[in-house]
Protein backbone atom coordinates (compact mmCIF):
# COMPACT_ATOMS: atom_id res chain seq x y z
CA MET A 1 -82.82 69.72 -48.48
CA PHE A 2 -82.18 71.73 -45.34
CA ALA A 3 -79.66 68.87 -44.30
CA ARG A 4 -77.76 69.53 -47.35
CA GLN A 5 -77.92 73.36 -47.12
CA SER A 6 -77.07 73.09 -43.63
CA ARG A 7 -73.42 70.69 -44.48
CA GLN A 8 -72.86 73.58 -47.48
CA ARG A 9 -73.07 76.31 -45.00
CA HIS A 10 -70.76 74.03 -42.58
CA LEU A 11 -68.10 73.90 -45.27
CA THR A 12 -68.09 77.44 -46.10
CA ARG A 13 -67.38 78.66 -42.66
CA ARG A 14 -64.74 76.01 -42.51
CA LEU A 15 -63.03 77.13 -45.54
CA VAL A 16 -63.87 81.08 -44.34
CA GLN A 17 -61.95 80.34 -41.36
CA LEU A 18 -58.86 78.30 -43.39
CA TYR A 19 -57.94 80.91 -45.76
CA GLY A 20 -59.04 84.02 -43.57
CA GLY A 21 -56.68 82.65 -40.97
CA LEU A 22 -53.86 81.55 -43.56
CA VAL A 23 -54.03 84.87 -44.44
CA LEU A 24 -54.15 86.38 -40.94
CA TYR A 25 -50.75 84.56 -40.29
CA GLY A 26 -48.78 85.47 -42.83
CA ALA A 27 -49.57 89.46 -41.85
CA SER A 28 -49.37 88.88 -38.22
CA SER A 29 -45.59 87.09 -39.24
CA ALA A 30 -44.78 90.85 -41.54
CA LEU A 31 -45.85 92.85 -38.48
CA LEU A 32 -43.26 90.59 -36.51
CA VAL A 33 -40.89 91.38 -38.88
CA ARG A 34 -41.44 94.89 -38.80
CA SER A 35 -41.20 95.24 -34.99
CA GLY A 36 -37.65 94.20 -35.37
CA LEU A 37 -37.68 92.88 -31.85
CA GLY A 38 -37.36 89.22 -33.09
CA LEU A 39 -39.44 86.24 -35.13
CA GLU A 40 -41.23 83.39 -34.14
CA PRO A 41 -38.67 80.59 -34.43
CA TRP A 42 -39.38 79.61 -38.12
CA ASN A 43 -39.24 82.81 -39.42
CA VAL A 44 -35.98 83.35 -38.01
CA LEU A 45 -34.87 80.50 -40.23
CA HIS A 46 -37.05 81.90 -42.92
CA GLN A 47 -35.34 85.34 -42.80
CA GLY A 48 -32.08 84.09 -42.43
CA LEU A 49 -32.27 81.92 -45.88
CA ALA A 50 -33.97 85.12 -47.63
CA GLY A 51 -30.75 87.24 -46.73
CA GLN A 52 -28.42 84.53 -48.09
CA THR A 53 -30.56 83.89 -50.84
CA GLY A 54 -31.62 87.55 -52.25
CA LEU A 55 -35.37 85.94 -52.20
CA SER A 56 -38.04 87.40 -50.54
CA MET A 57 -39.53 85.81 -46.91
CA GLY A 58 -42.48 85.08 -48.58
CA VAL A 59 -40.88 82.92 -51.26
CA VAL A 60 -38.63 81.34 -48.99
CA LEU A 61 -41.10 80.43 -46.37
CA THR A 62 -43.04 78.46 -49.40
CA ILE A 63 -40.15 76.96 -50.75
CA VAL A 64 -39.23 75.88 -46.98
CA GLY A 65 -43.22 74.31 -46.45
CA ALA A 66 -42.76 72.26 -49.64
CA ALA A 67 -39.24 71.17 -48.38
CA VAL A 68 -40.94 70.07 -45.28
CA LEU A 69 -43.70 68.25 -47.11
CA LEU A 70 -41.82 66.51 -48.69
CA LEU A 71 -40.28 64.62 -44.97
CA TRP A 72 -43.89 63.46 -44.21
CA ILE A 73 -43.30 60.88 -47.11
CA PRO A 74 -40.91 58.68 -44.68
CA LEU A 75 -42.70 59.55 -41.50
CA ARG A 76 -45.85 58.54 -43.51
CA GLN A 77 -48.01 61.57 -42.71
CA ARG A 78 -50.76 61.96 -44.60
CA PRO A 79 -51.53 65.71 -46.10
CA GLY A 80 -54.90 67.92 -46.51
CA LEU A 81 -56.04 71.08 -47.38
CA GLY A 82 -55.01 73.10 -45.33
CA THR A 83 -51.76 71.10 -45.20
CA VAL A 84 -51.47 72.70 -48.75
CA SER A 85 -53.08 75.74 -48.56
CA ASN A 86 -50.67 76.66 -45.68
CA VAL A 87 -47.99 75.97 -48.11
CA LEU A 88 -49.45 78.11 -50.67
CA VAL A 89 -51.38 80.89 -48.85
CA ILE A 90 -48.75 82.10 -45.80
CA GLY A 91 -45.63 83.20 -47.51
CA ALA A 92 -48.06 85.40 -50.08
CA ALA A 93 -49.69 87.05 -47.92
CA MET A 94 -47.05 87.80 -46.01
CA ASP A 95 -44.81 88.96 -48.77
CA ALA A 96 -48.08 91.00 -49.68
CA ALA A 97 -48.20 92.70 -46.16
CA LEU A 98 -44.45 93.37 -46.14
CA ALA A 99 -45.25 95.34 -49.05
CA VAL A 100 -47.15 98.10 -47.51
CA LEU A 101 -46.21 97.87 -44.23
CA PRO A 102 -43.65 100.59 -43.20
CA ASP A 103 -40.33 99.69 -40.83
CA ALA A 104 -41.29 100.75 -37.24
CA HIS A 105 -39.22 103.89 -35.96
CA GLY A 106 -39.01 103.91 -31.74
CA PRO A 107 -39.38 101.66 -29.20
CA ALA A 108 -43.01 102.46 -28.81
CA PRO A 109 -44.10 101.51 -32.24
CA ARG A 110 -42.19 98.45 -32.41
CA ILE A 111 -43.70 97.11 -29.09
CA ALA A 112 -47.39 97.92 -30.75
CA LEU A 113 -45.98 96.09 -33.63
CA LEU A 114 -45.21 93.04 -31.72
CA VAL A 115 -47.90 92.90 -29.35
CA ALA A 116 -50.53 92.79 -32.70
CA GLY A 117 -48.48 90.37 -34.12
CA ILE A 118 -47.95 88.26 -31.78
CA VAL A 119 -52.02 88.35 -30.05
CA LEU A 120 -53.02 88.03 -34.35
CA ASN A 121 -50.78 85.38 -34.34
CA GLY A 122 -52.80 83.38 -31.78
CA ALA A 123 -56.15 84.12 -33.40
CA ALA A 124 -54.81 83.38 -37.09
CA THR A 125 -53.55 80.02 -35.52
CA GLY A 126 -56.88 79.44 -33.58
CA LEU A 127 -58.76 80.13 -36.72
CA TYR A 128 -57.29 77.91 -39.49
CA ILE A 129 -56.36 74.68 -36.75
CA ALA A 130 -59.82 74.68 -35.97
CA ALA A 131 -61.42 74.47 -39.53
CA ARG A 132 -59.85 71.16 -39.61
CA PHE A 133 -58.46 70.30 -42.52
CA GLY A 134 -54.85 69.06 -41.75
CA PRO A 135 -52.15 70.45 -39.89
CA GLY A 136 -49.27 72.76 -41.51
CA PRO A 137 -46.28 71.22 -42.90
CA ARG A 138 -44.22 71.39 -40.13
CA ASP A 139 -47.23 70.54 -37.32
CA GLY A 140 -47.18 67.70 -39.43
CA LEU A 141 -43.00 66.85 -39.04
CA MET A 142 -43.42 67.24 -35.52
CA THR A 143 -46.26 64.99 -35.04
CA GLY A 144 -44.64 62.42 -37.53
CA LEU A 145 -41.60 62.42 -35.79
CA THR A 146 -43.06 61.86 -32.06
CA LEU A 147 -45.17 59.00 -33.68
CA ARG A 148 -41.84 57.64 -34.87
CA THR A 149 -39.29 58.35 -32.42
CA GLY A 150 -41.87 57.81 -29.18
CA LEU A 151 -41.37 60.93 -27.70
CA SER A 152 -43.32 63.35 -26.79
CA VAL A 153 -44.82 66.44 -28.86
CA ARG A 154 -43.00 68.81 -26.45
CA LEU A 155 -40.06 67.54 -26.61
CA VAL A 156 -40.13 66.75 -30.42
CA ARG A 157 -41.26 70.29 -30.38
CA THR A 158 -38.83 71.65 -28.81
CA ALA A 159 -35.56 70.21 -30.51
CA VAL A 160 -36.65 71.03 -34.18
CA GLU A 161 -37.42 74.66 -32.94
CA ILE A 162 -33.91 75.54 -31.36
CA THR A 163 -32.36 73.91 -34.14
CA VAL A 164 -34.26 76.06 -36.49
CA VAL A 165 -33.84 78.80 -34.15
CA ALA A 166 -29.75 78.40 -33.96
CA THR A 167 -29.69 77.33 -37.75
CA GLY A 168 -31.44 80.84 -38.65
CA PHE A 169 -29.71 83.38 -36.29
CA ALA A 170 -26.41 81.78 -37.84
CA LEU A 171 -27.35 82.73 -41.15
CA GLY A 172 -28.70 86.14 -40.08
CA GLY A 173 -32.46 85.80 -38.60
CA THR A 174 -33.71 88.09 -36.48
CA VAL A 175 -33.70 86.64 -32.14
CA GLY A 176 -34.69 89.32 -29.84
CA VAL A 177 -37.40 89.78 -26.91
CA GLY A 178 -40.21 89.16 -29.56
CA THR A 179 -39.00 85.52 -30.03
CA LEU A 180 -39.58 84.47 -26.37
CA LEU A 181 -42.49 86.38 -25.55
CA TYR A 182 -43.78 84.53 -28.61
CA ALA A 183 -42.61 81.15 -27.23
CA LEU A 184 -44.28 82.14 -23.96
CA SER A 185 -47.47 83.03 -24.99
CA ILE A 186 -48.54 81.62 -28.58
CA GLY A 187 -49.64 78.09 -26.77
CA PRO A 188 -51.97 80.35 -24.25
CA LEU A 189 -53.06 82.27 -27.02
CA ALA A 190 -53.91 79.87 -29.57
CA GLN A 191 -55.63 77.44 -27.21
CA LEU A 192 -58.36 80.32 -26.44
CA PHE A 193 -58.48 80.99 -29.73
CA LEU A 194 -59.21 77.53 -30.48
CA ARG A 195 -62.23 77.65 -28.44
CA VAL A 196 -63.60 80.99 -29.73
CA PHE A 197 -63.22 79.51 -33.19
CA ALA A 198 -64.51 76.08 -32.67
CA VAL A 199 -66.61 74.79 -35.69
CA PRO A 200 -69.70 72.36 -34.61
CA SER A 201 -69.48 69.14 -36.07
CA ALA A 202 -70.81 68.82 -39.53
CA PRO A 203 -75.11 67.97 -39.24
CA ASP A 204 -76.19 64.80 -39.30
CA GLY A 205 -72.74 63.20 -39.11
CA GLY A 206 -72.06 64.40 -42.88
CA ALA A 207 -68.54 63.30 -44.02
CA VAL A 208 -66.20 66.23 -43.66
CA VAL A 209 -62.20 66.69 -45.02
CA ALA A 210 -60.46 66.25 -42.16
CA CYS A 211 -61.82 65.44 -38.60
CA GLY A 212 -61.27 65.38 -35.39
CA ARG A 213 -61.09 68.83 -32.99
CA PRO A 214 -57.40 69.70 -32.53
CA ARG A 215 -56.68 69.52 -29.30
CA ARG A 216 -52.95 71.12 -29.04
CA ALA A 217 -51.92 73.70 -31.12
CA ILE A 218 -47.87 73.35 -32.49
CA LEU A 219 -48.36 75.00 -35.89
CA ARG A 220 -45.32 77.36 -36.82
CA ARG A 221 -44.44 78.76 -39.98
């Protein structure tokens, strides 16, 4: 009985981390949008597509996430609960945050939103990846391409994100100092928060939905 209750608490903690992290990730992306100083790579593309289609950024994020997930099929990647939840939750959370966050005016508020957005994004990344329910769709694309091509994760990630940023910028997405600062800081921040929010193994070796502590964070919406 005690072991069963422990497993239930363990699963509850992981679920809270998963969905809390995804909601915070959407909110952090909204902070970066309102700062107007540059977005994370994938959101440059989402913002550009949103401007071209008239859809909200959250809706575009969800559509692109679903499309990327389809690319997992030829790459033979297997989605988890976290993968599907990533597609469904982050875009909705981002649109909800954008609906209540005002535009920032003046350098000080814009810089504050930028810094808060990047730090919160790192914390959200640590929360949701440490829950170990499977990678986000864009993460799986990168790891799948790595396995299929034999290239390093760093090279594949760099190539994918340069393509995403260039396409998004051409479509009208915001690239700025925030984009560079995000690229330089998100890795160390994510690794820090992965350690902070690390979930211990399930009691008495009980089964888990997705196992294995992540060694690197490559989450990008």
